[in-house]
């Protein structure tokens, strides 16, 4: 098709790409005046009545995947899929660890929604994942998606014209699970494997199983080669390394069984542990655990004090603030607001790459770095708002809210 041609009330404006499951075009919805993406099926598929009937039934299941991290299917017109047009960049690495974890969590939410509907993607890869300018991850192209038998009528096994019989290999070689590469039947654990590969590549910026000159070489690497864990950045948290190892087990029976478990691991697996590869042992582990508990106690205590002392007539406020390019998104507490609602403290990155605290009054445009808070995390205010507490080096520290010398608040001891 070429620009100017139409499919129903959609006018083609440009070709975006082409693959084995059809060509994708940018088009204008002339009724609603919006931009969409249209995947036009190849003639070999569009002229197969059995495939088209099956495809239309299963497209209804895919259209039910109404989730903010999945590109929406608007409908089918003349054997073409009309989809949400996602403006953004293909997912690629390396990205900072915190960014990778954020993107990974959004991917797990999308896959969890699909799996709950009985839909397995089977071709999850960076080229099928877009990141918008706002940092929203969108999974695209369920063209090889398999719909579980329990969610559809008998005889409606896949959206790829039934090509899932034993020995048939579908997908992109470098992201296939070993059982998928062998042509065996797959379930949602194939998506979990692909998720692990995508997360690994977000962190390292290099392909995990792309070595070799042919597809056969890549498949052989997927089936036989173990990941090079030393390629992960040194600051990769231990819980992320454990998650990757569980996602990338070659035996699906030993692999993580549900993508929701990966989401939970991303959310909860970093309880007070160092971001390094080896974690803590003995005294350091106990100190870190105590510091984490004391941080939680201090935060809850500060909140309760503010909650029960605040004036009941205080109005609710909605705050929108640009913290600038040096602000750091943390895994636990990124920022805190003073009890009187006039000051913000948050994590920032210094020019030499160190993480420290900065504070800013809401009625002032500039933030003030808090010298001496290198390595700080999890900031919080004291009940009277005069002090800012934070965790650094396994200890709870405090510093005057307006700046000054840091002092130890609580030492984490055995």
Protein backbone atom coordinates (compact mmCIF):
# COMPACT_ATOMS: atom_id res chain seq x y z
CA UNK A 1 0.00 0.00 0.00
CA UNK A 2 1.09 3.59 -0.53
CA UNK A 3 0.25 6.94 1.07
CA UNK A 4 -3.22 8.14 0.13
CA UNK A 5 -4.78 4.70 -0.12
CA UNK A 6 -7.55 3.86 2.32
CA UNK A 7 -8.77 0.92 4.37
CA UNK A 8 -12.35 1.66 5.37
CA UNK A 9 -12.16 5.17 6.86
CA UNK A 10 -8.42 4.98 7.55
CA UNK A 11 -6.12 6.87 5.17
CA UNK A 12 -2.57 5.51 4.85
CA UNK A 13 0.11 8.17 5.41
CA UNK A 14 3.38 6.23 5.74
CA UNK A 15 4.87 2.75 6.03
CA UNK A 16 6.36 2.02 9.45
CA UNK A 17 7.79 -1.46 8.92
CA UNK A 18 7.21 -4.97 7.69
CA UNK A 19 7.58 -8.47 9.10
CA UNK A 20 6.46 -12.02 8.53
CA UNK A 21 2.99 -11.29 9.92
CA UNK A 22 2.40 -8.28 7.68
CA UNK A 23 3.28 -4.67 6.96
CA UNK A 24 2.54 -1.89 9.43
CA UNK A 25 1.41 1.55 8.28
CA UNK A 26 0.71 4.87 9.90
CA UNK A 27 -2.80 6.05 9.06
CA UNK A 28 -5.32 8.75 9.90
CA UNK A 29 -8.74 7.84 11.27
CA UNK A 30 -10.83 10.26 9.16
CA UNK A 31 -13.88 9.86 11.40
CA UNK A 32 -12.22 10.57 14.74
CA UNK A 33 -9.29 12.61 13.39
CA UNK A 34 -6.63 10.58 15.19
CA UNK A 35 -3.46 8.81 14.15
CA UNK A 36 -3.40 5.00 14.28
CA UNK A 37 -1.21 2.10 13.24
CA UNK A 38 -2.58 -0.52 10.84
CA UNK A 39 -1.11 -3.97 10.32
CA UNK A 40 -2.15 -5.36 6.95
CA UNK A 41 -2.06 -9.15 6.75
CA UNK A 42 -0.06 -10.80 3.96
CA UNK A 43 -2.10 -12.19 1.07
CA UNK A 44 -1.18 -15.75 2.08
CA UNK A 45 -3.05 -15.20 5.34
CA UNK A 46 -5.76 -12.79 4.23
CA UNK A 47 -6.92 -15.21 1.52
CA UNK A 48 -7.23 -18.17 3.89
CA UNK A 49 -10.88 -18.23 5.11
CA UNK A 50 -10.12 -20.58 8.02
CA UNK A 51 -7.30 -18.37 9.21
CA UNK A 52 -9.33 -15.18 8.86
CA UNK A 53 -12.23 -16.65 10.89
CA UNK A 54 -9.86 -17.82 13.61
CA UNK A 55 -7.95 -14.54 13.51
CA UNK A 56 -11.12 -12.49 14.01
CA UNK A 57 -12.20 -14.59 16.99
CA UNK A 58 -8.86 -14.31 18.67
CA UNK A 59 -8.48 -10.61 17.90
CA UNK A 60 -11.47 -10.14 20.18
CA UNK A 61 -9.43 -11.64 23.03
CA UNK A 62 -6.45 -9.41 22.23
CA UNK A 63 -8.75 -6.37 22.05
CA UNK A 64 -9.83 -7.15 25.61
CA UNK A 65 -6.29 -6.43 26.85
CA UNK A 66 -7.21 -2.96 28.03
CA UNK A 67 -4.08 -1.99 29.92
CA UNK A 68 -1.98 1.21 29.98
CA UNK A 69 1.20 -0.72 29.13
CA UNK A 70 -0.27 -2.56 26.13
CA UNK A 71 -0.94 -0.91 22.77
CA UNK A 72 -4.71 -0.92 22.24
CA UNK A 73 -6.35 -2.80 19.37
CA UNK A 74 -9.15 -0.60 18.03
CA UNK A 75 -10.62 -3.13 15.64
CA UNK A 76 -10.36 -5.07 12.39
CA UNK A 77 -11.06 -3.63 8.95
CA UNK A 78 -10.71 -5.58 5.71
CA UNK A 79 -8.31 -8.12 7.20
CA UNK A 80 -6.18 -5.44 8.79
CA UNK A 81 -5.64 -4.77 12.50
CA UNK A 82 -6.20 -1.17 13.59
CA UNK A 83 -4.05 -0.38 16.62
CA UNK A 84 -3.00 2.47 18.85
CA UNK A 85 -0.09 4.39 17.35
CA UNK A 86 2.59 4.59 20.03
CA UNK A 87 4.97 7.49 19.60
CA UNK A 88 8.29 6.73 21.23
CA UNK A 89 11.62 4.95 21.01
CA UNK A 90 12.31 1.25 20.92
CA UNK A 91 13.46 -0.06 24.27
CA UNK A 92 17.23 -0.31 24.39
CA UNK A 93 20.05 -0.37 26.89
CA UNK A 94 22.12 0.28 28.72
CA UNK A 95 19.99 2.39 31.03
CA UNK A 96 20.57 3.20 34.72
CA UNK A 97 19.62 0.40 37.09
CA UNK A 98 16.71 2.38 38.57
CA UNK A 99 15.36 3.08 35.07
CA UNK A 100 15.72 -0.56 34.07
CA UNK A 101 13.76 -1.63 37.16
CA UNK A 102 11.03 0.92 36.40
CA UNK A 103 10.71 -0.25 32.78
CA UNK A 104 10.85 -3.90 33.87
CA UNK A 105 8.02 -3.37 36.34
CA UNK A 106 5.84 -1.84 33.62
CA UNK A 107 6.57 -4.83 31.36
CA UNK A 108 5.56 -7.25 34.12
CA UNK A 109 2.28 -5.38 34.62
CA UNK A 110 1.49 -5.68 30.91
CA UNK A 111 2.39 -9.36 30.71
CA UNK A 112 0.47 -10.09 33.90
CA UNK A 113 -2.66 -8.52 32.38
CA UNK A 114 -2.20 -10.57 29.19
CA UNK A 115 -1.52 -13.83 31.01
CA UNK A 116 -4.61 -13.35 33.15
CA UNK A 117 -6.61 -13.29 29.91
CA UNK A 118 -4.86 -16.46 28.74
CA UNK A 119 -2.75 -14.59 26.16
CA UNK A 120 0.96 -15.44 25.74
CA UNK A 121 2.98 -12.95 23.68
CA UNK A 122 5.70 -15.36 22.42
CA UNK A 123 7.70 -12.62 20.67
CA UNK A 124 8.64 -10.23 23.47
CA UNK A 125 11.75 -8.30 22.47
CA UNK A 126 13.02 -4.69 22.54
CA UNK A 127 11.71 -4.03 19.02
CA UNK A 128 8.20 -4.81 20.28
CA UNK A 129 8.48 -2.49 23.28
CA UNK A 130 8.19 1.27 22.99
CA UNK A 131 9.01 3.91 25.59
CA UNK A 132 7.11 7.17 25.28
CA UNK A 133 8.56 10.58 26.03
CA UNK A 134 6.84 10.39 29.43
CA UNK A 135 8.63 7.13 30.31
CA UNK A 136 5.57 4.93 29.76
CA UNK A 137 6.37 1.45 28.44
CA UNK A 138 4.03 -0.01 25.81
CA UNK A 139 4.17 -3.59 24.57
CA UNK A 140 3.29 -3.92 20.90
CA UNK A 141 2.66 -6.59 18.32
CA UNK A 142 0.85 -9.59 19.70
CA UNK A 143 1.02 -10.99 16.16
CA UNK A 144 2.47 -14.30 17.39
CA UNK A 145 0.38 -14.33 20.53
CA UNK A 146 -1.02 -17.65 21.63
CA UNK A 147 -4.42 -17.74 23.25
CA UNK A 148 -4.72 -20.46 25.85
CA UNK A 149 -7.33 -23.09 25.06
CA UNK A 150 -9.26 -22.28 28.20
CA UNK A 151 -9.97 -18.75 26.97
CA UNK A 152 -11.23 -19.61 23.48
CA UNK A 153 -13.32 -22.14 21.66
CA UNK A 154 -11.81 -25.42 20.59
CA UNK A 155 -9.82 -25.12 17.39
CA UNK A 156 -8.79 -21.51 18.09
CA UNK A 157 -5.29 -22.12 19.35
CA UNK A 158 -3.20 -19.19 18.10
CA UNK A 159 -3.31 -15.94 16.27
CA UNK A 160 -0.63 -17.19 13.88
CA UNK A 161 -2.90 -19.48 11.80
CA UNK A 162 -2.46 -22.49 14.00
CA UNK A 163 1.29 -22.70 13.50
CA UNK A 164 2.03 -24.10 16.96
CA UNK A 165 2.18 -27.78 16.20
CA UNK A 166 5.20 -29.71 17.46
CA UNK A 167 8.38 -28.83 15.60
CA UNK A 168 7.20 -25.41 14.37
CA UNK A 169 9.40 -22.56 15.61
CA UNK A 170 7.87 -19.09 15.91
CA UNK A 171 9.40 -15.97 17.40
CA UNK A 172 12.72 -14.13 17.34
CA UNK A 173 15.63 -16.49 17.93
CA UNK A 174 17.62 -14.39 20.41
CA UNK A 175 14.60 -14.03 22.73
CA UNK A 176 13.10 -17.51 22.47
CA UNK A 177 12.97 -19.73 25.51
CA UNK A 178 14.92 -22.98 25.00
CA UNK A 179 11.71 -25.03 24.74
CA UNK A 180 10.39 -22.56 22.16
CA UNK A 181 13.63 -22.78 20.17
CA UNK A 182 13.25 -26.57 20.10
CA UNK A 183 9.75 -26.24 18.64
CA UNK A 184 8.04 -27.59 21.72
CA UNK A 185 4.68 -26.29 23.03
CA UNK A 186 5.09 -23.18 25.15
CA UNK A 187 3.18 -21.48 27.94
CA UNK A 188 3.56 -18.20 29.83
CA UNK A 189 7.01 -19.26 31.07
CA UNK A 190 8.32 -18.52 27.55
CA UNK A 191 7.34 -14.88 28.09
CA UNK A 192 9.09 -14.96 31.48
CA UNK A 193 12.29 -16.12 29.78
CA UNK A 194 12.02 -13.34 27.19
CA UNK A 195 11.38 -10.82 29.96
CA UNK A 196 14.63 -11.96 31.61
CA UNK A 197 16.55 -11.52 28.37
CA UNK A 198 15.08 -8.03 27.85
CA UNK A 199 15.93 -6.98 31.43
CA UNK A 200 19.48 -8.34 31.07
CA UNK A 201 19.96 -6.34 27.88
CA UNK A 202 18.51 -3.18 29.44
CA UNK A 203 21.15 -3.41 32.15
CA UNK A 204 24.12 -4.38 29.97
CA UNK A 205 23.37 -2.78 26.62
CA UNK A 206 24.52 -5.96 24.88
CA UNK A 207 22.59 -8.85 23.37
CA UNK A 208 22.51 -11.91 25.62
CA UNK A 209 22.21 -14.57 22.92
CA UNK A 210 23.08 -12.80 19.65
CA UNK A 211 26.52 -14.32 19.05
CA UNK A 212 26.89 -16.28 15.83
CA UNK A 213 26.41 -15.74 12.12
CA UNK A 214 23.17 -17.66 11.62
CA UNK A 215 19.84 -18.22 13.31
CA UNK A 216 21.02 -21.78 14.01
CA UNK A 217 24.01 -20.38 15.92
CA UNK A 218 21.74 -18.17 18.02
CA UNK A 219 19.32 -20.99 18.78
CA UNK A 220 22.26 -23.20 19.77
CA UNK A 221 23.43 -20.47 22.18
CA UNK A 222 19.95 -20.14 23.68
CA UNK A 223 19.72 -23.89 24.26
CA UNK A 224 23.25 -24.55 25.53
CA UNK A 225 24.99 -21.41 26.74
CA UNK A 226 24.65 -19.87 30.21
CA UNK A 227 24.37 -16.09 30.59
CA UNK A 228 27.55 -14.17 31.36
CA UNK A 229 26.53 -12.80 34.74
CA UNK A 230 29.78 -10.82 35.00
CA UNK A 231 28.48 -8.56 32.22
CA UNK A 232 25.90 -7.04 34.59
CA UNK A 233 26.82 -3.61 35.99
CA UNK A 234 28.56 -3.72 39.35
CA UNK A 235 25.70 -1.79 40.98
CA UNK A 236 23.06 -4.30 39.91
CA UNK A 237 21.15 -5.11 43.12
CA UNK A 238 21.38 -8.65 44.43
CA UNK A 239 17.60 -9.14 44.19
CA UNK A 240 17.71 -8.24 40.49
CA UNK A 241 20.48 -10.76 39.90
CA UNK A 242 18.41 -13.42 41.66
CA UNK A 243 15.35 -12.51 39.60
CA UNK A 244 17.31 -12.77 36.35
CA UNK A 245 18.72 -16.15 37.35
CA UNK A 246 15.21 -17.47 38.05
CA UNK A 247 13.82 -16.09 34.78
CA UNK A 248 16.66 -17.50 32.67
CA UNK A 249 16.66 -21.11 33.84
CA UNK A 250 16.64 -23.31 30.77
CA UNK A 251 14.34 -25.91 32.28
CA UNK A 252 10.87 -24.32 32.36
CA UNK A 253 9.96 -26.49 35.36
CA UNK A 254 12.64 -24.68 37.38
CA UNK A 255 11.91 -21.23 35.97
CA UNK A 256 9.86 -18.52 37.64
CA UNK A 257 6.30 -19.72 37.14
CA UNK A 258 4.34 -16.47 37.09
CA UNK A 259 5.25 -12.99 35.88
CA UNK A 260 3.44 -11.58 38.90
CA UNK A 261 6.22 -13.07 41.02
CA UNK A 262 8.71 -11.00 39.04
CA UNK A 263 6.68 -7.87 39.73
CA UNK A 264 6.67 -8.67 43.45
CA UNK A 265 10.42 -9.30 43.37
CA UNK A 266 10.98 -5.93 41.70
CA UNK A 267 8.81 -4.18 44.31
CA UNK A 268 9.88 -5.99 47.46
CA UNK A 269 13.18 -7.73 46.83
CA UNK A 270 15.36 -4.80 47.86
CA UNK A 271 14.58 -4.70 51.58
CA UNK A 272 17.69 -3.02 52.95
CA UNK A 273 20.26 -4.91 50.88
CA UNK A 274 23.27 -3.37 49.25
CA UNK A 275 23.01 -2.82 45.49
CA UNK A 276 26.17 -4.83 44.85
CA UNK A 277 26.42 -8.35 43.60
CA UNK A 278 27.43 -10.16 46.74
CA UNK A 279 25.10 -8.67 49.35
CA UNK A 280 26.00 -8.63 53.08
CA UNK A 281 27.01 -11.29 55.52
CA UNK A 282 27.24 -11.48 59.28
CA UNK A 283 27.55 -8.16 61.05
CA UNK A 284 26.92 -6.03 57.96
CA UNK A 285 23.73 -7.91 57.12
CA UNK A 286 22.40 -7.42 60.64
CA UNK A 287 23.35 -3.75 60.62
CA UNK A 288 21.58 -3.17 57.34
CA UNK A 289 18.45 -4.96 58.51
CA UNK A 290 18.37 -2.92 61.74
CA UNK A 291 18.90 0.28 59.78
CA UNK A 292 16.00 -0.60 57.54
CA UNK A 293 13.73 -1.33 60.51
CA UNK A 294 14.75 1.87 62.28
CA UNK A 295 14.14 3.85 59.10
CA UNK A 296 10.63 2.45 58.87
CA UNK A 297 9.96 3.18 62.55
CA UNK A 298 11.21 6.73 62.17
CA UNK A 299 9.14 7.35 59.05
CA UNK A 300 5.96 5.92 60.55
CA UNK A 301 6.56 7.78 63.81
CA UNK A 302 7.12 11.05 62.00
CA UNK A 303 3.99 10.61 59.94
CA UNK A 304 1.86 9.76 62.97
CA UNK A 305 3.15 12.80 64.84
CA UNK A 306 2.32 15.04 61.92
CA UNK A 307 -1.04 13.37 61.28
CA UNK A 308 -2.35 13.83 64.80
CA UNK A 309 -0.93 17.33 65.29
CA UNK A 310 -1.92 18.92 61.99
CA UNK A 311 -4.80 21.41 61.90
CA UNK A 312 -7.94 19.68 60.74
CA UNK A 313 -8.80 22.59 58.45
CA UNK A 314 -5.56 22.27 56.41
CA UNK A 315 -6.63 22.01 52.74
CA UNK A 316 -5.41 19.24 50.47
CA UNK A 317 -2.77 20.29 47.97
CA UNK A 318 -1.79 18.82 44.60
CA UNK A 319 1.89 19.41 43.93
CA UNK A 320 3.60 19.27 40.55
CA UNK A 321 7.29 20.13 40.51
CA UNK A 322 10.16 19.64 38.09
CA UNK A 323 13.13 18.49 40.15
CA UNK A 324 15.54 18.84 37.26
CA UNK A 325 17.70 16.37 35.35
CA UNK A 326 19.90 15.47 38.34
CA UNK A 327 17.06 14.11 40.49
CA UNK A 328 17.38 10.42 41.32
CA UNK A 329 14.47 7.95 41.35
CA UNK A 330 15.13 5.66 44.31
CA UNK A 331 13.87 2.14 44.95
CA UNK A 332 12.21 3.05 48.26
CA UNK A 333 11.89 6.70 49.31
CA UNK A 334 12.78 9.28 46.67
CA UNK A 335 11.51 12.44 48.37
CA UNK A 336 9.73 13.69 51.49
CA UNK A 337 7.64 16.75 52.33
CA UNK A 338 8.07 18.60 55.62
CA UNK A 339 5.22 18.35 58.15
CA UNK A 340 4.23 21.99 57.55
CA UNK A 341 4.13 21.41 53.80
CA UNK A 342 6.67 24.14 52.94
CA UNK A 343 9.82 22.18 52.11
CA UNK A 344 10.82 19.21 49.97
CA UNK A 345 13.88 16.98 50.37
CA UNK A 346 14.89 14.62 47.60
CA UNK A 347 17.78 12.62 46.17
CA UNK A 348 20.00 14.15 43.54
CA UNK A 349 23.18 13.27 41.65
CA UNK A 350 26.27 15.47 41.92
CA UNK A 351 28.44 16.29 38.86
CA UNK A 352 30.94 13.64 39.98
CA UNK A 353 28.22 10.98 40.12
CA UNK A 354 27.64 10.84 43.87
CA UNK A 355 24.15 10.60 45.34
CA UNK A 356 23.25 13.20 47.96
CA UNK A 357 20.28 15.13 49.36
CA UNK A 358 18.94 18.45 48.18
CA UNK A 359 16.21 20.56 49.79
CA UNK A 360 13.91 23.17 48.32
CA UNK A 361 11.21 25.47 49.64
CA UNK A 362 8.06 25.29 47.56
CA UNK A 363 7.99 29.07 47.09
CA UNK A 364 11.56 29.18 45.79
CA UNK A 365 12.77 28.04 42.35
CA UNK A 366 16.20 26.70 43.33
CA UNK A 367 17.20 23.71 45.41
CA UNK A 368 20.03 23.73 47.96
CA UNK A 369 22.38 20.71 48.07
CA UNK A 370 22.97 19.38 51.58
CA UNK A 371 26.74 19.03 51.82
CA UNK A 372 28.05 15.96 53.62
CA UNK A 373 25.13 13.69 52.67
CA UNK A 374 26.99 11.65 50.05
CA UNK A 375 25.52 8.19 49.68
CA UNK A 376 22.24 9.20 51.32
CA UNK A 377 18.99 7.35 50.74
CA UNK A 378 15.44 7.20 52.15
CA UNK A 379 15.06 10.83 53.34
CA UNK A 380 12.42 11.81 55.92
CA UNK A 381 11.62 14.75 58.17
CA UNK A 382 11.50 14.88 61.96
CA UNK A 383 8.09 15.52 63.49
CA UNK A 384 8.87 19.23 64.01
CA UNK A 385 10.37 19.61 60.51
CA UNK A 386 13.65 20.98 61.86
CA UNK A 387 15.73 17.93 60.93
CA UNK A 388 16.05 15.72 57.91
CA UNK A 389 16.84 12.08 58.55
CA UNK A 390 18.35 9.68 56.05
CA UNK A 391 20.24 6.41 55.80
CA UNK A 392 23.93 6.28 54.84
CA UNK A 393 26.61 3.69 55.45
CA UNK A 394 24.29 1.44 57.45
CA UNK A 395 23.40 4.22 59.91
CA UNK A 396 20.53 6.64 60.33
CA UNK A 397 21.88 10.18 60.06
CA UNK A 398 20.31 13.59 60.58
CA UNK A 399 21.07 17.06 59.27
CA UNK A 400 19.41 20.43 59.95
CA UNK A 401 16.71 21.09 57.35
CA UNK A 402 18.38 24.38 56.43
CA UNK A 403 21.81 22.79 56.14
CA UNK A 404 24.66 22.12 58.51
CA UNK A 405 26.84 19.30 59.76
CA UNK A 406 25.42 15.78 59.53
CA UNK A 407 25.12 13.95 62.82
CA UNK A 408 24.44 10.29 63.62
CA UNK A 409 20.89 9.75 64.84
CA UNK A 410 20.87 6.01 65.40
CA UNK A 411 23.72 3.56 65.04
CA UNK A 412 22.87 0.12 63.74
CA UNK A 413 24.55 -2.36 66.08
CA UNK A 414 24.39 -6.06 66.58
